[in-house]
């Protein structure tokens, strides 16, 4: 491997390059979630449950948040964010 190829590989693995790639990935994930919310394909999952209950999606989100908040209490830093 010559020096130019080694420098090119280091440039691709720099912190700034990785950060930029992750920001682009995050943007694409957020965009996909927004599009998914605008055009739900599984209407029964978004419909309120019989008897005035919450929809399956609302239930899932609330339970996931509850689980993450309980797990954050076990972290040594006590941070409620960036659990995984």
PDB file of N, CA and C in Angstrom:
ATOM      1  N   UNK A   1       0.861  -1.173   0.000  1.00  0.00           N
ATOM      2  CA  UNK A   1       0.000   0.000   0.000  1.00  0.00           C
ATOM      3  C   UNK A   1       0.902   1.230   0.000  1.00  0.00           C
ATOM      4  N   UNK A   2       0.654   2.125  -0.896  1.00  0.00           N
ATOM      5  CA  UNK A   2       1.475   3.329  -0.955  1.00  0.00           C
ATOM      6  C   UNK A   2       0.935   4.400  -0.006  1.00  0.00           C
ATOM      7  N   UNK A   3       1.686   5.461   0.159  1.00  0.00           N
ATOM      8  CA  UNK A   3       1.329   6.514   1.120  1.00  0.00           C
ATOM      9  C   UNK A   3       0.034   7.221   0.740  1.00  0.00           C
ATOM     10  N   UNK A   4      -0.189   7.428  -0.558  1.00  0.00           N
ATOM     11  CA  UNK A   4      -1.403   8.129  -0.998  1.00  0.00           C
ATOM     12  C   UNK A   4      -2.653   7.330  -0.652  1.00  0.00           C
ATOM     13  N   UNK A   5      -2.597   6.016  -0.848  1.00  0.00           N
ATOM     14  CA  UNK A   5      -3.751   5.172  -0.527  1.00  0.00           C
ATOM     15  C   UNK A   5      -3.994   5.155   0.979  1.00  0.00           C
ATOM     16  N   UNK A   6      -2.927   5.160   1.766  1.00  0.00           N
ATOM     17  CA  UNK A   6      -3.067   5.185   3.219  1.00  0.00           C
ATOM     18  C   UNK A   6      -3.683   6.480   3.704  1.00  0.00           C
ATOM     19  N   UNK A   7      -3.281   7.594   3.108  1.00  0.00           N
ATOM     20  CA  UNK A   7      -3.852   8.889   3.483  1.00  0.00           C
ATOM     21  C   UNK A   7      -5.321   8.976   3.093  1.00  0.00           C
ATOM     22  N   UNK A   8      -5.656   8.416   1.921  1.00  0.00           N
ATOM     23  CA  UNK A   8      -7.051   8.440   1.486  1.00  0.00           C
ATOM     24  C   UNK A   8      -7.919   7.622   2.442  1.00  0.00           C
ATOM     25  N   UNK A   9      -7.413   6.471   2.870  1.00  0.00           N
ATOM     26  CA  UNK A   9      -8.173   5.638   3.803  1.00  0.00           C
ATOM     27  C   UNK A   9      -8.335   6.350   5.145  1.00  0.00           C
ATOM     28  N   UNK A  10      -7.295   7.025   5.627  1.00  0.00           N
ATOM     29  CA  UNK A  10      -7.395   7.773   6.875  1.00  0.00           C
ATOM     30  C   UNK A  10      -8.406   8.907   6.762  1.00  0.00           C
ATOM     31  N   UNK A  11      -8.445   9.567   5.601  1.00  0.00           N
ATOM     32  CA  UNK A  11      -9.394  10.661   5.400  1.00  0.00           C
ATOM     33  C   UNK A  11     -10.829  10.142   5.429  1.00  0.00           C
ATOM     34  N   UNK A  12     -11.049   8.945   4.893  1.00  0.00           N
ATOM     35  CA  UNK A  12     -12.391   8.377   4.886  1.00  0.00           C
ATOM     36  C   UNK A  12     -12.839   7.983   6.291  1.00  0.00           C
ATOM     37  N   UNK A  13     -11.889   7.671   7.160  1.00  0.00           N
ATOM     38  CA  UNK A  13     -12.227   7.230   8.507  1.00  0.00           C
ATOM     39  C   UNK A  13     -12.037   8.329   9.553  1.00  0.00           C
ATOM     40  N   UNK A  14     -11.916   9.549   9.114  1.00  0.00           N
ATOM     41  CA  UNK A  14     -11.753  10.634  10.078  1.00  0.00           C
ATOM     42  C   UNK A  14     -13.058  10.853  10.838  1.00  0.00           C
ATOM     43  N   UNK A  15     -12.941  11.464  11.983  1.00  0.00           N
ATOM     44  CA  UNK A  15     -14.114  11.730  12.811  1.00  0.00           C
ATOM     45  C   UNK A  15     -15.121  12.610  12.082  1.00  0.00           C
ATOM     46  N   UNK A  16     -14.632  13.605  11.374  1.00  0.00           N
ATOM     47  CA  UNK A  16     -15.532  14.506  10.639  1.00  0.00           C
ATOM     48  C   UNK A  16     -16.289  13.754   9.548  1.00  0.00           C
ATOM     49  N   UNK A  17     -15.599  12.855   8.842  1.00  0.00           N
ATOM     50  CA  UNK A  17     -16.255  12.094   7.776  1.00  0.00           C
ATOM     51  C   UNK A  17     -17.314  11.156   8.350  1.00  0.00           C
ATOM     52  N   UNK A  18     -16.982  10.509   9.457  1.00  0.00           N
ATOM     53  CA  UNK A  18     -17.947   9.606  10.094  1.00  0.00           C
ATOM     54  C   UNK A  18     -19.141  10.399  10.607  1.00  0.00           C
ATOM     55  N   UNK A  19     -18.886  11.559  11.216  1.00  0.00           N
ATOM     56  CA  UNK A  19     -19.969  12.406  11.719  1.00  0.00           C
ATOM     57  C   UNK A  19     -20.890  12.834  10.580  1.00  0.00           C
ATOM     58  N   UNK A  20     -20.302  13.266   9.464  1.00  0.00           N
ATOM     59  CA  UNK A  20     -21.115  13.682   8.318  1.00  0.00           C
ATOM     60  C   UNK A  20     -21.963  12.528   7.787  1.00  0.00           C
ATOM     61  N   UNK A  21     -21.373  11.338   7.720  1.00  0.00           N
ATOM     62  CA  UNK A  21     -22.119  10.174   7.237  1.00  0.00           C
ATOM     63  C   UNK A  21     -23.276   9.846   8.174  1.00  0.00           C
ATOM     64  N   UNK A  22     -23.037   9.940   9.483  1.00  0.00           N
ATOM     65  CA  UNK A  22     -24.102   9.651  10.447  1.00  0.00           C
ATOM     66  C   UNK A  22     -25.209  10.695  10.403  1.00  0.00           C
ATOM     67  N   UNK A  23     -24.854  11.945  10.180  1.00  0.00           N
ATOM     68  CA  UNK A  23     -25.873  12.995  10.064  1.00  0.00           C
ATOM     69  C   UNK A  23     -26.741  12.737   8.844  1.00  0.00           C
ATOM     70  N   UNK A  24     -26.122  12.346   7.732  1.00  0.00           N
ATOM     71  CA  UNK A  24     -26.907  12.038   6.526  1.00  0.00           C
ATOM     72  C   UNK A  24     -27.827  10.846   6.769  1.00  0.00           C
ATOM     73  N   UNK A  25     -27.321   9.820   7.448  1.00  0.00           N
ATOM     74  CA  UNK A  25     -28.151   8.657   7.761  1.00  0.00           C
ATOM     75  C   UNK A  25     -29.313   9.050   8.670  1.00  0.00           C
ATOM     76  N   UNK A  26     -29.030   9.881   9.666  1.00  0.00           N
ATOM     77  CA  UNK A  26     -30.087  10.322  10.576  1.00  0.00           C
ATOM     78  C   UNK A  26     -31.165  11.083   9.817  1.00  0.00           C
ATOM     79  N   UNK A  27     -30.740  11.956   8.911  1.00  0.00           N
ATOM     80  CA  UNK A  27     -31.707  12.709   8.113  1.00  0.00           C
ATOM     81  C   UNK A  27     -32.585  11.782   7.286  1.00  0.00           C
ATOM     82  N   UNK A  28     -31.976  10.754   6.700  1.00  0.00           N
ATOM     83  CA  UNK A  28     -32.773   9.846   5.872  1.00  0.00           C
ATOM     84  C   UNK A  28     -33.737   9.025   6.732  1.00  0.00           C
ATOM     85  N   UNK A  29     -33.325   8.640   7.935  1.00  0.00           N
ATOM     86  CA  UNK A  29     -34.210   7.889   8.827  1.00  0.00           C
ATOM     87  C   UNK A  29     -35.378   8.760   9.272  1.00  0.00           C
ATOM     88  N   UNK A  30     -35.087  10.000   9.657  1.00  0.00           N
ATOM     89  CA  UNK A  30     -36.147  10.915  10.090  1.00  0.00           C
ATOM     90  C   UNK A  30     -37.123  11.168   8.948  1.00  0.00           C
ATOM     91  N   UNK A  31     -36.599  11.386   7.744  1.00  0.00           N
ATOM     92  CA  UNK A  31     -37.472  11.609   6.591  1.00  0.00           C
ATOM     93  C   UNK A  31     -38.359  10.391   6.346  1.00  0.00           C
ATOM     94  N   UNK A  32     -37.785   9.194   6.442  1.00  0.00           N
ATOM     95  CA  UNK A  32     -38.572   7.975   6.231  1.00  0.00           C
ATOM     96  C   UNK A  32     -39.666   7.839   7.289  1.00  0.00           C
ATOM     97  N   UNK A  33     -39.359   8.190   8.534  1.00  0.00           N
ATOM     98  CA  UNK A  33     -40.373   8.119   9.588  1.00  0.00           C
ATOM     99  C   UNK A  33     -41.490   9.130   9.367  1.00  0.00           C
ATOM    100  N   UNK A  34     -41.128  10.321   8.910  1.00  0.00           N
ATOM    101  CA  UNK A  34     -42.151  11.332   8.616  1.00  0.00           C
ATOM    102  C   UNK A  34     -43.053  10.853   7.491  1.00  0.00           C
ATOM    103  N   UNK A  35     -42.460  10.306   6.442  1.00  0.00           N
ATOM    104  CA  UNK A  35     -43.258   9.787   5.330  1.00  0.00           C
ATOM    105  C   UNK A  35     -44.140   8.630   5.785  1.00  0.00           C
ATOM    106  N   UNK A  36     -43.598   7.788   6.647  1.00  0.00           N
ATOM    107  CA  UNK A  36     -44.381   6.655   7.138  1.00  0.00           C
ATOM    108  C   UNK A  36     -45.571   7.139   7.965  1.00  0.00           C
ATOM    109  N   UNK A  37     -45.366   8.178   8.751  1.00  0.00           N
ATOM    110  CA  UNK A  37     -46.461   8.711   9.565  1.00  0.00           C
ATOM    111  C   UNK A  37     -47.523   9.375   8.697  1.00  0.00           C
ATOM    112  N   UNK A  38     -47.092   9.971   7.594  1.00  0.00           N
ATOM    113  CA  UNK A  38     -48.052  10.639   6.714  1.00  0.00           C
ATOM    114  C   UNK A  38     -48.892   9.644   5.930  1.00  0.00           C
ATOM    115  N   UNK A  39     -48.330   8.493   5.641  1.00  0.00           N
ATOM    116  CA  UNK A  39     -49.022   7.493   4.817  1.00  0.00           C
ATOM    117  C   UNK A  39     -48.980   6.129   5.511  1.00  0.00           C
ATOM    118  N   UNK A  40     -49.721   5.967   6.594  1.00  0.00           N
ATOM    119  CA  UNK A  40     -49.677   4.684   7.301  1.00  0.00           C
ATOM    120  C   UNK A  40     -50.240   3.557   6.442  1.00  0.00           C
ATOM    121  N   UNK A  41     -49.557   2.438   6.444  1.00  0.00           N
ATOM    122  CA  UNK A  41     -49.992   1.291   5.643  1.00  0.00           C
ATOM    123  C   UNK A  41     -50.825   0.313   6.455  1.00  0.00           C
ATOM    124  N   UNK A  42     -50.732   0.399   7.747  1.00  0.00           N
ATOM    125  CA  UNK A  42     -51.441  -0.533   8.606  1.00  0.00           C
ATOM    126  C   UNK A  42     -52.437   0.261   9.448  1.00  0.00           C
ATOM    127  N   UNK A  43     -53.519   0.663   8.841  1.00  0.00           N
ATOM    128  CA  UNK A  43     -54.500   1.540   9.489  1.00  0.00           C
ATOM    129  C   UNK A  43     -55.009   1.006  10.826  1.00  0.00           C
ATOM    130  N   UNK A  44     -55.263  -0.303  10.987  1.00  0.00           N
ATOM    131  CA  UNK A  44     -55.750  -0.772  12.290  1.00  0.00           C
ATOM    132  C   UNK A  44     -54.774  -0.504  13.439  1.00  0.00           C
ATOM    133  N   UNK A  45     -53.493  -0.444  13.157  1.00  0.00           N
ATOM    134  CA  UNK A  45     -52.513  -0.173  14.215  1.00  0.00           C
ATOM    135  C   UNK A  45     -52.611   1.262  14.712  1.00  0.00           C
ATOM    136  N   UNK A  46     -53.112   2.165  13.878  1.00  0.00           N
ATOM    137  CA  UNK A  46     -53.234   3.574  14.238  1.00  0.00           C
ATOM    138  C   UNK A  46     -54.635   3.926  14.748  1.00  0.00           C
ATOM    139  N   UNK A  47     -55.576   3.026  14.568  1.00  0.00           N
ATOM    140  CA  UNK A  47     -56.957   3.285  14.989  1.00  0.00           C
ATOM    141  C   UNK A  47     -57.090   3.073  16.494  1.00  0.00           C
ATOM    142  N   UNK A  48     -57.887   3.901  17.162  1.00  0.00           N
ATOM    143  CA  UNK A  48     -58.101   3.702  18.605  1.00  0.00           C
ATOM    144  C   UNK A  48     -58.715   2.331  18.872  1.00  0.00           C
ATOM    145  N   UNK A  49     -58.333   1.754  19.989  1.00  0.00           N
ATOM    146  CA  UNK A  49     -58.860   0.444  20.360  1.00  0.00           C
ATOM    147  C   UNK A  49     -60.332   0.572  20.725  1.00  0.00           C
ATOM    148  N   UNK A  50     -61.030  -0.529  20.683  1.00  0.00           N
ATOM    149  CA  UNK A  50     -62.442  -0.509  21.061  1.00  0.00           C
ATOM    150  C   UNK A  50     -62.562  -0.141  22.530  1.00  0.00           C
ATOM    151  N   UNK A  51     -63.592   0.563  22.867  1.00  0.00           N
ATOM    152  CA  UNK A  51     -63.788   0.994  24.245  1.00  0.00           C
ATOM    153  C   UNK A  51     -63.055   2.279  24.577  1.00  0.00           C
ATOM    154  N   UNK A  52     -62.591   3.003  23.560  1.00  0.00           N
ATOM    155  CA  UNK A  52     -61.942   4.287  23.803  1.00  0.00           C
ATOM    156  C   UNK A  52     -60.489   4.194  24.208  1.00  0.00           C
ATOM    157  N   UNK A  53     -59.877   3.034  24.037  1.00  0.00           N
ATOM    158  CA  UNK A  53     -58.469   2.889  24.403  1.00  0.00           C
ATOM    159  C   UNK A  53     -57.536   3.497  23.366  1.00  0.00           C
ATOM    160  N   UNK A  54     -56.273   3.446  23.665  1.00  0.00           N
ATOM    161  CA  UNK A  54     -55.270   3.990  22.754  1.00  0.00           C
ATOM    162  C   UNK A  54     -55.011   3.011  21.615  1.00  0.00           C
ATOM    163  N   UNK A  55     -54.438   3.534  20.548  1.00  0.00           N
ATOM    164  CA  UNK A  55     -54.093   2.678  19.414  1.00  0.00           C
ATOM    165  C   UNK A  55     -52.874   1.827  19.770  1.00  0.00           C
ATOM    166  N   UNK A  56     -52.616   0.826  18.957  1.00  0.00           N
ATOM    167  CA  UNK A  56     -51.469  -0.050  19.163  1.00  0.00           C
ATOM    168  C   UNK A  56     -50.169   0.747  19.090  1.00  0.00           C
ATOM    169  N   UNK A  57     -50.092   1.694  18.175  1.00  0.00           N
ATOM    170  CA  UNK A  57     -48.885   2.504  18.035  1.00  0.00           C
ATOM    171  C   UNK A  57     -48.663   3.349  19.291  1.00  0.00           C
ATOM    172  N   UNK A  58     -49.706   3.985  19.793  1.00  0.00           N
ATOM    173  CA  UNK A  58     -49.574   4.783  21.019  1.00  0.00           C
ATOM    174  C   UNK A  58     -49.134   3.904  22.189  1.00  0.00           C
ATOM    175  N   UNK A  59     -49.723   2.723  22.296  1.00  0.00           N
ATOM    176  CA  UNK A  59     -49.350   1.798  23.360  1.00  0.00           C
ATOM    177  C   UNK A  59     -47.879   1.414  23.255  1.00  0.00           C
ATOM    178  N   UNK A  60     -47.442   1.086  22.046  1.00  0.00           N
ATOM    179  CA  UNK A  60     -46.055   0.676  21.838  1.00  0.00           C
ATOM    180  C   UNK A  60     -45.081   1.791  22.200  1.00  0.00           C
ATOM    181  N   UNK A  61     -45.376   3.014  21.759  1.00  0.00           N
ATOM    182  CA  UNK A  61     -44.487   4.147  22.040  1.00  0.00           C
ATOM    183  C   UNK A  61     -44.433   4.429  23.535  1.00  0.00           C
ATOM    184  N   UNK A  62     -45.579   4.432  24.190  1.00  0.00           N
ATOM    185  CA  UNK A  62     -45.604   4.702  25.643  1.00  0.00           C
ATOM    186  C   UNK A  62     -44.836   3.635  26.419  1.00  0.00           C
ATOM    187  N   UNK A  63     -45.028   2.377  26.055  1.00  0.00           N
ATOM    188  CA  UNK A  63     -44.337   1.302  26.765  1.00  0.00           C
ATOM    189  C   UNK A  63     -42.838   1.329  26.489  1.00  0.00           C
ATOM    190  N   UNK A  64     -42.446   1.670  25.259  1.00  0.00           N
ATOM    191  CA  UNK A  64     -41.018   1.776  24.942  1.00  0.00           C
ATOM    192  C   UNK A  64     -40.375   2.904  25.742  1.00  0.00           C
ATOM    193  N   UNK A  65     -41.068   4.039  25.850  1.00  0.00           N
ATOM    194  CA  UNK A  65     -40.544   5.158  26.640  1.00  0.00           C
ATOM    195  C   UNK A  65     -40.447   4.788  28.115  1.00  0.00           C
ATOM    196  N   UNK A  66     -41.431   4.063  28.622  1.00  0.00           N
ATOM    197  CA  UNK A  66     -41.395   3.647  30.027  1.00  0.00           C
ATOM    198  C   UNK A  66     -40.221   2.707  30.278  1.00  0.00           C
ATOM    199  N   UNK A  67     -40.000   1.777  29.370  1.00  0.00           N
ATOM    200  CA  UNK A  67     -38.888   0.844  29.511  1.00  0.00           C
ATOM    201  C   UNK A  67     -37.551   1.576  29.451  1.00  0.00           C
ATOM    202  N   UNK A  68     -37.420   2.512  28.520  1.00  0.00           N
ATOM    203  CA  UNK A  68     -36.168   3.260  28.404  1.00  0.00           C
ATOM    204  C   UNK A  68     -35.921   4.123  29.635  1.00  0.00           C
ATOM    205  N   UNK A  69     -36.971   4.707  30.193  1.00  0.00           N
ATOM    206  CA  UNK A  69     -36.776   5.531  31.391  1.00  0.00           C
ATOM    207  C   UNK A  69     -36.366   4.669  32.577  1.00  0.00           C
ATOM    208  N   UNK A  70     -36.915   3.462  32.679  1.00  0.00           N
ATOM    209  CA  UNK A  70     -36.505   2.561  33.760  1.00  0.00           C
ATOM    210  C   UNK A  70     -35.063   2.111  33.573  1.00  0.00           C
ATOM    211  N   UNK A  71     -34.685   1.826  32.330  1.00  0.00           N
ATOM    212  CA  UNK A  71     -33.313   1.401  32.052  1.00  0.00           C
ATOM    213  C   UNK A  71     -32.329   2.528  32.316  1.00  0.00           C
ATOM    214  N   UNK A  72     -32.728   3.767  32.079  1.00  0.00           N
ATOM    215  CA  UNK A  72     -31.808   4.888  32.291  1.00  0.00           C
ATOM    216  C   UNK A  72     -31.475   5.064  33.765  1.00  0.00           C
ATOM    217  N   UNK A  73     -32.359   4.629  34.645  1.00  0.00           N
ATOM    218  CA  UNK A  73     -32.075   4.732  36.076  1.00  0.00           C
ATOM    219  C   UNK A  73     -30.950   3.795  36.493  1.00  0.00           C
ATOM    220  N   UNK A  74     -30.695   2.772  35.684  1.00  0.00           N
ATOM    221  CA  UNK A  74     -29.639   1.814  35.990  1.00  0.00           C
ATOM    222  C   UNK A  74     -28.280   2.268  35.479  1.00  0.00           C
ATOM    223  N   UNK A  75     -28.242   3.305  34.648  1.00  0.00           N
ATOM    224  CA  UNK A  75     -26.978   3.784  34.104  1.00  0.00           C
ATOM    225  C   UNK A  75     -26.190   4.525  35.174  1.00  0.00           C
ATOM    226  N   UNK A  76     -24.885   4.321  35.201  1.00  0.00           N
ATOM    227  CA  UNK A  76     -24.082   5.025  36.199  1.00  0.00           C
ATOM    228  C   UNK A  76     -24.120   6.542  36.034  1.00  0.00           C
ATOM    229  N   UNK A  77     -24.256   7.014  34.805  1.00  0.00           N
ATOM    230  CA  UNK A  77     -24.263   8.459  34.578  1.00  0.00           C
ATOM    231  C   UNK A  77     -25.600   9.083  34.964  1.00  0.00           C
ATOM    232  N   UNK A  78     -26.650   8.274  35.033  1.00  0.00           N
ATOM    233  CA  UNK A  78     -27.971   8.788  35.357  1.00  0.00           C
ATOM    234  C   UNK A  78     -28.605   9.540  34.214  1.00  0.00           C
ATOM    235  N   UNK A  79     -28.031   9.433  33.036  1.00  0.00           N
ATOM    236  CA  UNK A  79     -28.547  10.148  31.876  1.00  0.00           C
ATOM    237  C   UNK A  79     -29.749   9.424  31.309  1.00  0.00           C
ATOM    238  N   UNK A  80     -30.785  10.170  30.991  1.00  0.00           N
ATOM    239  CA  UNK A  80     -31.990   9.569  30.413  1.00  0.00           C
ATOM    240  C   UNK A  80     -31.909   9.514  28.900  1.00  0.00           C
ATOM    241  N   UNK A  81     -30.821   9.995  28.334  1.00  0.00           N
ATOM    242  CA  UNK A  81     -30.693  10.055  26.883  1.00  0.00           C
ATOM    243  C   UNK A  81     -29.559   9.156  26.419  1.00  0.00           C
ATOM    244  N   UNK A  82     -29.603   8.791  25.149  1.00  0.00           N
ATOM    245  CA  UNK A  82     -28.553   7.975  24.522  1.00  0.00           C
ATOM    246  C   UNK A  82     -28.321   6.674  25.284  1.00  0.00           C
ATOM    247  N   UNK A  83     -29.383   5.920  25.429  1.00  0.00           N
ATOM    248  CA  UNK A  83     -29.288   4.679  26.183  1.00  0.00           C
ATOM    249  C   UNK A  83     -28.520   3.604  25.453  1.00  0.00           C
ATOM    250  N   UNK A  84     -28.661   3.583  24.147  1.00  0.00           N
ATOM    251  CA  UNK A  84     -28.084   2.458  23.426  1.00  0.00           C
ATOM    252  C   UNK A  84     -27.017   2.909  22.490  1.00  0.00           C
TER     253      UNK A  84
END
